[in-house]
Amino acid sequence: MTSVFSAEERAAMKEHAQELRKQRKGKASATQDVLAKIAEMLPEDRALGERIHAIVTASAPDLTPKLWYGMPAYAKDGKIVCFFQSAQKFNARYATLGFSDQANLDDGAMWPSAFALKTLTAADERRIGELVKQAAG
């Protein structure tokens, strides 16, 4: 019988279970965990992850960094608002900045909830900062 989930998806679920156990035991700072996860990334993803972390923490300081399925994420009242998924996470050709249904980004009947990232320009960084601020609001 073949598995319904890919090896990468199973690994992400195992990481999430470890994250939940760690939270219950009150171990290591969530911010340190996020920074450590970013430091493990391949250079291209690491550079993007570091910039996203800096933008999110500057734009919405009330969001709490935490790991979510092994990805850097940012939560409000314990609920994920946005996350950074490295390209290497699921062997994708680009990294992703995603927003959950907790994000206040509603704009009519349809709006984007994830963005593909290959590089970041100054304009991209400003736009991400605006989106994060709105999402956290």
Protein backbone atom coordinates (compact mmCIF):
# COMPACT_ATOMS: atom_id res chain seq x y z
CA MET A 1 0.00 0.00 0.00
CA THR A 2 1.35 3.43 -0.89
CA SER A 3 1.31 6.28 1.59
CA VAL A 4 -1.13 9.15 1.12
CA PHE A 5 1.51 11.61 2.34
CA SER A 6 4.90 12.32 0.79
CA ALA A 7 8.07 11.83 2.83
CA GLU A 8 8.32 15.63 3.17
CA GLU A 9 4.74 15.88 4.44
CA ARG A 10 5.30 13.07 6.97
CA ALA A 11 8.47 14.84 8.16
CA ALA A 12 6.55 18.11 8.57
CA MET A 13 3.87 16.35 10.64
CA LYS A 14 6.55 14.79 12.87
CA GLU A 15 8.15 18.22 13.33
CA HIS A 16 4.77 19.66 14.28
CA ALA A 17 4.22 16.94 16.89
CA GLN A 18 7.66 17.70 18.37
CA GLU A 19 6.83 21.42 18.41
CA LEU A 20 3.62 20.76 20.32
CA ARG A 21 5.41 18.57 22.87
CA LYS A 22 8.08 21.23 23.30
CA GLN A 23 5.46 23.95 23.83
CA ARG A 24 3.72 21.89 26.50
CA LYS A 25 7.01 21.32 28.32
CA GLY A 26 7.87 25.02 28.07
CA LYS A 27 11.30 24.44 26.53
CA ALA A 28 13.49 26.90 24.62
CA SER A 29 12.32 30.27 23.47
CA ALA A 30 10.10 30.20 20.41
CA THR A 31 12.07 33.02 18.81
CA GLN A 32 15.31 31.07 19.25
CA ASP A 33 13.65 28.03 17.67
CA VAL A 34 12.56 30.09 14.66
CA LEU A 35 16.02 31.62 14.23
CA ALA A 36 17.64 28.19 14.56
CA LYS A 37 15.31 26.77 11.89
CA ILE A 38 16.17 29.67 9.55
CA ALA A 39 19.90 29.10 10.20
CA GLU A 40 19.51 25.46 9.03
CA MET A 41 18.17 26.51 5.63
CA LEU A 42 20.11 26.52 2.38
CA PRO A 43 21.76 29.92 1.72
CA GLU A 44 19.08 31.26 -0.67
CA ASP A 45 16.23 30.26 1.64
CA ARG A 46 18.15 31.44 4.72
CA ALA A 47 18.58 34.93 3.23
CA LEU A 48 14.86 35.14 2.45
CA GLY A 49 13.91 33.70 5.84
CA GLU A 50 16.08 36.20 7.69
CA ARG A 51 14.55 39.12 5.77
CA ILE A 52 10.99 37.85 6.27
CA HIS A 53 11.66 37.41 10.01
CA ALA A 54 13.04 40.97 10.25
CA ILE A 55 10.11 42.42 8.27
CA VAL A 56 7.45 40.56 10.25
CA THR A 57 8.91 41.39 13.66
CA ALA A 58 9.34 45.07 12.70
CA SER A 59 5.93 45.43 11.03
CA ALA A 60 3.87 43.52 13.61
CA PRO A 61 5.80 43.29 16.89
CA ASP A 62 2.70 41.87 18.61
CA LEU A 63 2.97 38.66 16.54
CA THR A 64 4.78 35.83 18.32
CA PRO A 65 7.39 33.85 16.37
CA LYS A 66 6.93 30.09 16.61
CA LEU A 67 7.58 26.96 14.60
CA TRP A 68 4.64 25.51 12.69
CA TYR A 69 5.15 22.20 10.89
CA GLY A 70 8.87 22.95 10.99
CA MET A 71 8.45 26.36 9.37
CA PRO A 72 8.99 29.83 10.83
CA ALA A 73 5.56 31.24 11.60
CA TYR A 74 4.06 34.18 13.45
CA ALA A 75 1.00 33.94 15.67
CA LYS A 76 -1.49 36.22 17.39
CA ASP A 77 -3.18 34.85 20.49
CA GLY A 78 -1.66 31.44 19.70
CA LYS A 79 -3.12 31.28 16.17
CA ILE A 80 -0.88 31.37 13.10
CA VAL A 81 -1.26 34.54 11.02
CA CYS A 82 1.61 34.08 8.55
CA PHE A 83 4.48 31.71 7.81
CA PHE A 84 7.60 31.30 5.71
CA GLN A 85 8.07 28.06 3.82
CA SER A 86 11.53 27.52 2.38
CA ALA A 87 11.84 26.11 -1.13
CA GLN A 88 13.74 23.14 0.27
CA LYS A 89 10.85 22.23 2.62
CA PHE A 90 8.88 20.46 -0.10
CA ASN A 91 11.48 20.56 -2.90
CA ALA A 92 9.76 23.52 -4.56
CA ARG A 93 11.34 25.93 -7.00
CA TYR A 94 10.51 28.95 -4.83
CA ALA A 95 9.97 29.86 -1.18
CA THR A 96 6.52 30.91 0.02
CA LEU A 97 5.19 33.62 2.29
CA GLY A 98 1.75 32.44 3.34
CA PHE A 99 -1.13 33.84 5.36
CA SER A 100 -3.66 31.77 7.27
CA ASP A 101 -7.38 32.34 7.55
CA GLN A 102 -6.58 34.26 10.77
CA ALA A 103 -4.95 37.02 8.68
CA ASN A 104 -7.06 40.13 8.18
CA LEU A 105 -6.43 40.36 4.45
CA ASP A 106 -10.02 40.01 3.23
CA ASP A 107 -10.61 42.06 0.10
CA GLY A 108 -13.96 41.35 -1.49
CA ALA A 109 -14.73 37.78 -2.49
CA MET A 110 -11.17 36.81 -3.49
CA TRP A 111 -7.65 37.73 -2.33
CA PRO A 112 -4.18 36.14 -2.35
CA SER A 113 -3.15 34.10 0.68
CA ALA A 114 0.35 33.06 -0.42
CA PHE A 115 3.19 34.58 -2.39
CA ALA A 116 6.06 32.88 -4.21
CA LEU A 117 9.47 34.33 -3.32
CA LYS A 118 12.70 34.00 -5.28
CA THR A 119 14.33 37.30 -4.25
CA LEU A 120 13.19 40.43 -2.43
CA THR A 121 13.45 43.97 -3.72
CA ALA A 122 13.00 47.04 -1.52
CA ALA A 123 9.50 47.42 -2.99
CA ASP A 124 8.71 43.77 -2.16
CA GLU A 125 9.88 44.28 1.41
CA ARG A 126 7.66 47.37 1.81
CA ARG A 127 4.66 45.47 0.41
CA ILE A 128 5.29 42.50 2.71
CA GLY A 129 5.52 44.87 5.67
CA GLU A 130 2.16 46.41 4.71
CA LEU A 131 0.53 42.98 4.27
CA VAL A 132 1.86 41.70 7.59
CA LYS A 133 0.69 44.83 9.41
CA GLN A 134 -2.78 44.46 7.85
CA ALA A 135 -2.86 40.72 8.52
CA ALA A 136 -2.03 41.22 12.20
CA GLY A 137 -4.50 44.10 12.60
